[in-house]
Amino acid sequence: HKPQAILLANTGVRLMDPASSVSTVLAEFKHAGVDVFACGLCVEFYGLKDKIAKEQITNMYAICEYLFSADKIISP
């Protein structure tokens, strides 16, 4: 089973940094058709704006839309 989307906010956006050990796993999910998005404000705060693809940066409104329409949410 694969998730519909992986949504990252707060310090979680650091996982999308190409230097992160998890970035390759997130790239594999993306290539498998899973939406992988990061909160734009969080990306700016952590100085990752130039390291993350623009199409993967979104806002909290869009993230909330994903969460409210989801059948199931898994969070830490």
N, C-alpha and C. Protein backbone atom coordinates (compact mmCIF):
# COMPACT_ATOMS: atom_id res chain seq x y z
N HIS A 1 0.83 -1.19 0.00
CA HIS A 1 0.00 0.00 0.00
C HIS A 1 0.87 1.24 0.00
N LYS A 2 0.48 2.22 -0.78
CA LYS A 2 1.21 3.48 -0.77
C LYS A 2 0.25 4.61 -0.40
N PRO A 3 0.77 5.63 0.24
CA PRO A 3 -0.08 6.75 0.64
C PRO A 3 -0.44 7.63 -0.56
N GLN A 4 -1.48 8.39 -0.39
CA GLN A 4 -1.87 9.35 -1.44
C GLN A 4 -0.90 10.53 -1.45
N ALA A 5 -0.50 10.96 -0.24
CA ALA A 5 0.38 12.13 -0.15
C ALA A 5 1.24 12.05 1.11
N ILE A 6 2.41 12.69 1.04
CA ILE A 6 3.27 12.89 2.20
C ILE A 6 3.39 14.40 2.36
N LEU A 7 2.92 14.91 3.49
CA LEU A 7 2.88 16.34 3.73
C LEU A 7 3.81 16.68 4.88
N LEU A 8 4.76 17.57 4.62
CA LEU A 8 5.77 17.89 5.61
C LEU A 8 5.62 19.34 6.06
N ALA A 9 5.69 19.54 7.37
CA ALA A 9 5.61 20.88 7.95
C ALA A 9 6.58 20.96 9.12
N ASN A 10 6.79 22.17 9.60
CA ASN A 10 7.71 22.43 10.70
C ASN A 10 9.08 21.83 10.39
N THR A 11 9.71 21.17 11.35
CA THR A 11 11.06 20.64 11.11
C THR A 11 11.05 19.48 10.11
N GLY A 12 9.89 18.93 9.83
CA GLY A 12 9.79 17.84 8.86
C GLY A 12 10.25 18.23 7.47
N VAL A 13 10.19 19.52 7.13
CA VAL A 13 10.62 19.94 5.80
C VAL A 13 12.11 19.70 5.59
N ARG A 14 12.86 19.60 6.67
CA ARG A 14 14.30 19.33 6.54
C ARG A 14 14.56 17.95 5.94
N LEU A 15 13.58 17.07 5.97
CA LEU A 15 13.73 15.74 5.36
C LEU A 15 13.84 15.84 3.84
N MET A 16 13.35 16.93 3.26
CA MET A 16 13.41 17.11 1.81
C MET A 16 14.73 17.72 1.33
N ASP A 17 15.57 18.10 2.26
CA ASP A 17 16.89 18.62 1.91
C ASP A 17 17.66 17.52 1.18
N PRO A 18 18.24 17.81 0.02
CA PRO A 18 18.99 16.78 -0.71
C PRO A 18 20.10 16.13 0.13
N ALA A 19 20.60 16.82 1.14
CA ALA A 19 21.64 16.25 2.01
C ALA A 19 21.07 15.28 3.04
N SER A 20 19.75 15.23 3.17
CA SER A 20 19.11 14.35 4.14
C SER A 20 19.17 12.90 3.66
N SER A 21 19.33 11.99 4.60
CA SER A 21 19.36 10.57 4.24
C SER A 21 17.99 10.06 3.79
N VAL A 22 16.95 10.81 4.07
CA VAL A 22 15.58 10.40 3.74
C VAL A 22 15.15 10.94 2.37
N SER A 23 15.88 11.89 1.83
CA SER A 23 15.45 12.53 0.59
C SER A 23 15.32 11.53 -0.56
N THR A 24 16.16 10.50 -0.59
CA THR A 24 16.06 9.50 -1.66
C THR A 24 14.78 8.67 -1.53
N VAL A 25 14.39 8.39 -0.31
CA VAL A 25 13.14 7.64 -0.08
C VAL A 25 11.95 8.49 -0.52
N LEU A 26 11.96 9.77 -0.17
CA LEU A 26 10.88 10.67 -0.59
C LEU A 26 10.83 10.79 -2.11
N ALA A 27 11.99 10.81 -2.77
CA ALA A 27 12.04 10.86 -4.23
C ALA A 27 11.44 9.59 -4.84
N GLU A 28 11.68 8.45 -4.23
CA GLU A 28 11.10 7.19 -4.71
C GLU A 28 9.58 7.21 -4.58
N PHE A 29 9.08 7.75 -3.47
CA PHE A 29 7.63 7.89 -3.32
C PHE A 29 7.07 8.79 -4.41
N LYS A 30 7.74 9.90 -4.67
CA LYS A 30 7.29 10.84 -5.70
C LYS A 30 7.23 10.17 -7.06
N HIS A 31 8.27 9.39 -7.40
CA HIS A 31 8.29 8.69 -8.69
C HIS A 31 7.24 7.59 -8.76
N ALA A 32 6.77 7.12 -7.61
CA ALA A 32 5.72 6.10 -7.57
C ALA A 32 4.32 6.72 -7.64
N GLY A 33 4.26 8.06 -7.77
CA GLY A 33 2.96 8.71 -7.90
C GLY A 33 2.39 9.29 -6.63
N VAL A 34 3.17 9.29 -5.56
CA VAL A 34 2.71 9.86 -4.29
C VAL A 34 3.04 11.35 -4.29
N ASP A 35 2.08 12.19 -3.91
CA ASP A 35 2.33 13.62 -3.79
C ASP A 35 3.18 13.88 -2.56
N VAL A 36 4.28 14.59 -2.73
CA VAL A 36 5.18 14.93 -1.62
C VAL A 36 5.29 16.45 -1.59
N PHE A 37 4.75 17.06 -0.52
CA PHE A 37 4.73 18.51 -0.41
C PHE A 37 5.29 18.98 0.91
N ALA A 38 5.87 20.18 0.87
CA ALA A 38 6.40 20.81 2.08
C ALA A 38 5.75 22.18 2.24
N CYS A 39 5.54 22.58 3.47
CA CYS A 39 4.99 23.89 3.80
C CYS A 39 5.99 24.97 3.38
N GLY A 40 5.55 25.92 2.56
CA GLY A 40 6.43 26.96 2.04
C GLY A 40 7.01 27.86 3.11
N LEU A 41 6.22 28.23 4.10
CA LEU A 41 6.72 29.08 5.18
C LEU A 41 7.81 28.38 5.97
N CYS A 42 7.62 27.10 6.21
CA CYS A 42 8.61 26.31 6.94
C CYS A 42 9.89 26.16 6.12
N VAL A 43 9.74 25.97 4.82
CA VAL A 43 10.89 25.85 3.92
C VAL A 43 11.72 27.13 3.97
N GLU A 44 11.03 28.27 3.92
CA GLU A 44 11.74 29.55 4.02
C GLU A 44 12.44 29.71 5.36
N PHE A 45 11.76 29.35 6.43
CA PHE A 45 12.31 29.51 7.78
C PHE A 45 13.61 28.73 7.94
N TYR A 46 13.66 27.52 7.40
CA TYR A 46 14.85 26.68 7.54
C TYR A 46 15.86 26.90 6.41
N GLY A 47 15.63 27.88 5.55
CA GLY A 47 16.59 28.22 4.50
C GLY A 47 16.75 27.16 3.42
N LEU A 48 15.67 26.48 3.09
CA LEU A 48 15.73 25.39 2.11
C LEU A 48 15.08 25.74 0.78
N LYS A 49 14.70 26.99 0.62
CA LYS A 49 13.94 27.39 -0.57
C LYS A 49 14.68 27.08 -1.87
N ASP A 50 15.99 27.22 -1.89
CA ASP A 50 16.76 26.96 -3.10
C ASP A 50 17.11 25.48 -3.28
N LYS A 51 16.85 24.67 -2.28
CA LYS A 51 17.22 23.25 -2.34
C LYS A 51 16.06 22.33 -2.68
N ILE A 52 14.84 22.83 -2.53
CA ILE A 52 13.65 22.00 -2.76
C ILE A 52 12.96 22.46 -4.04
N ALA A 53 12.52 21.51 -4.84
CA ALA A 53 11.84 21.84 -6.10
C ALA A 53 10.59 22.67 -5.84
N LYS A 54 10.40 23.71 -6.64
CA LYS A 54 9.28 24.63 -6.43
C LYS A 54 7.92 23.95 -6.51
N GLU A 55 7.82 22.92 -7.34
CA GLU A 55 6.53 22.23 -7.46
C GLU A 55 6.18 21.40 -6.23
N GLN A 56 7.15 21.22 -5.33
CA GLN A 56 6.90 20.48 -4.10
C GLN A 56 6.64 21.39 -2.90
N ILE A 57 6.65 22.69 -3.13
CA ILE A 57 6.38 23.64 -2.05
C ILE A 57 4.95 24.11 -2.16
N THR A 58 4.23 24.06 -1.07
CA THR A 58 2.83 24.45 -1.04
C THR A 58 2.58 25.31 0.19
N ASN A 59 1.33 25.58 0.45
CA ASN A 59 0.99 26.38 1.64
C ASN A 59 0.15 25.56 2.60
N MET A 60 -0.05 26.09 3.78
CA MET A 60 -0.77 25.34 4.81
C MET A 60 -2.24 25.15 4.44
N TYR A 61 -2.79 26.05 3.66
CA TYR A 61 -4.18 25.89 3.21
C TYR A 61 -4.32 24.61 2.39
N ALA A 62 -3.41 24.40 1.44
CA ALA A 62 -3.46 23.19 0.61
C ALA A 62 -3.20 21.94 1.43
N ILE A 63 -2.29 22.04 2.40
CA ILE A 63 -2.00 20.90 3.27
C ILE A 63 -3.25 20.53 4.07
N CYS A 64 -3.95 21.53 4.59
CA CYS A 64 -5.18 21.28 5.35
C CYS A 64 -6.26 20.66 4.46
N GLU A 65 -6.35 21.09 3.20
CA GLU A 65 -7.31 20.48 2.28
C GLU A 65 -7.03 18.99 2.11
N TYR A 66 -5.76 18.63 1.97
CA TYR A 66 -5.39 17.21 1.88
C TYR A 66 -5.83 16.47 3.14
N LEU A 67 -5.54 17.05 4.30
CA LEU A 67 -5.86 16.40 5.57
C LEU A 67 -7.37 16.23 5.77
N PHE A 68 -8.14 17.26 5.43
CA PHE A 68 -9.58 17.20 5.64
C PHE A 68 -10.27 16.25 4.66
N SER A 69 -9.67 16.01 3.50
CA SER A 69 -10.29 15.12 2.53
C SER A 69 -9.79 13.68 2.63
N ALA A 70 -8.82 13.44 3.48
CA ALA A 70 -8.22 12.10 3.61
C ALA A 70 -9.13 11.13 4.36
N ASP A 71 -9.10 9.88 3.93
CA ASP A 71 -9.82 8.82 4.63
C ASP A 71 -9.12 8.43 5.92
N LYS A 72 -7.79 8.50 5.89
CA LYS A 72 -7.00 8.11 7.04
C LYS A 72 -5.74 8.97 7.08
N ILE A 73 -5.35 9.38 8.29
CA ILE A 73 -4.16 10.20 8.47
C ILE A 73 -3.21 9.48 9.41
N ILE A 74 -1.95 9.38 9.00
CA ILE A 74 -0.93 8.78 9.86
C ILE A 74 0.05 9.89 10.21
N SER A 75 0.26 10.09 11.49
CA SER A 75 1.19 11.13 11.91
C SER A 75 2.04 10.62 13.09
N PRO A 76 3.21 11.26 13.28
CA PRO A 76 4.07 10.78 14.37
C PRO A 76 3.50 11.08 15.73
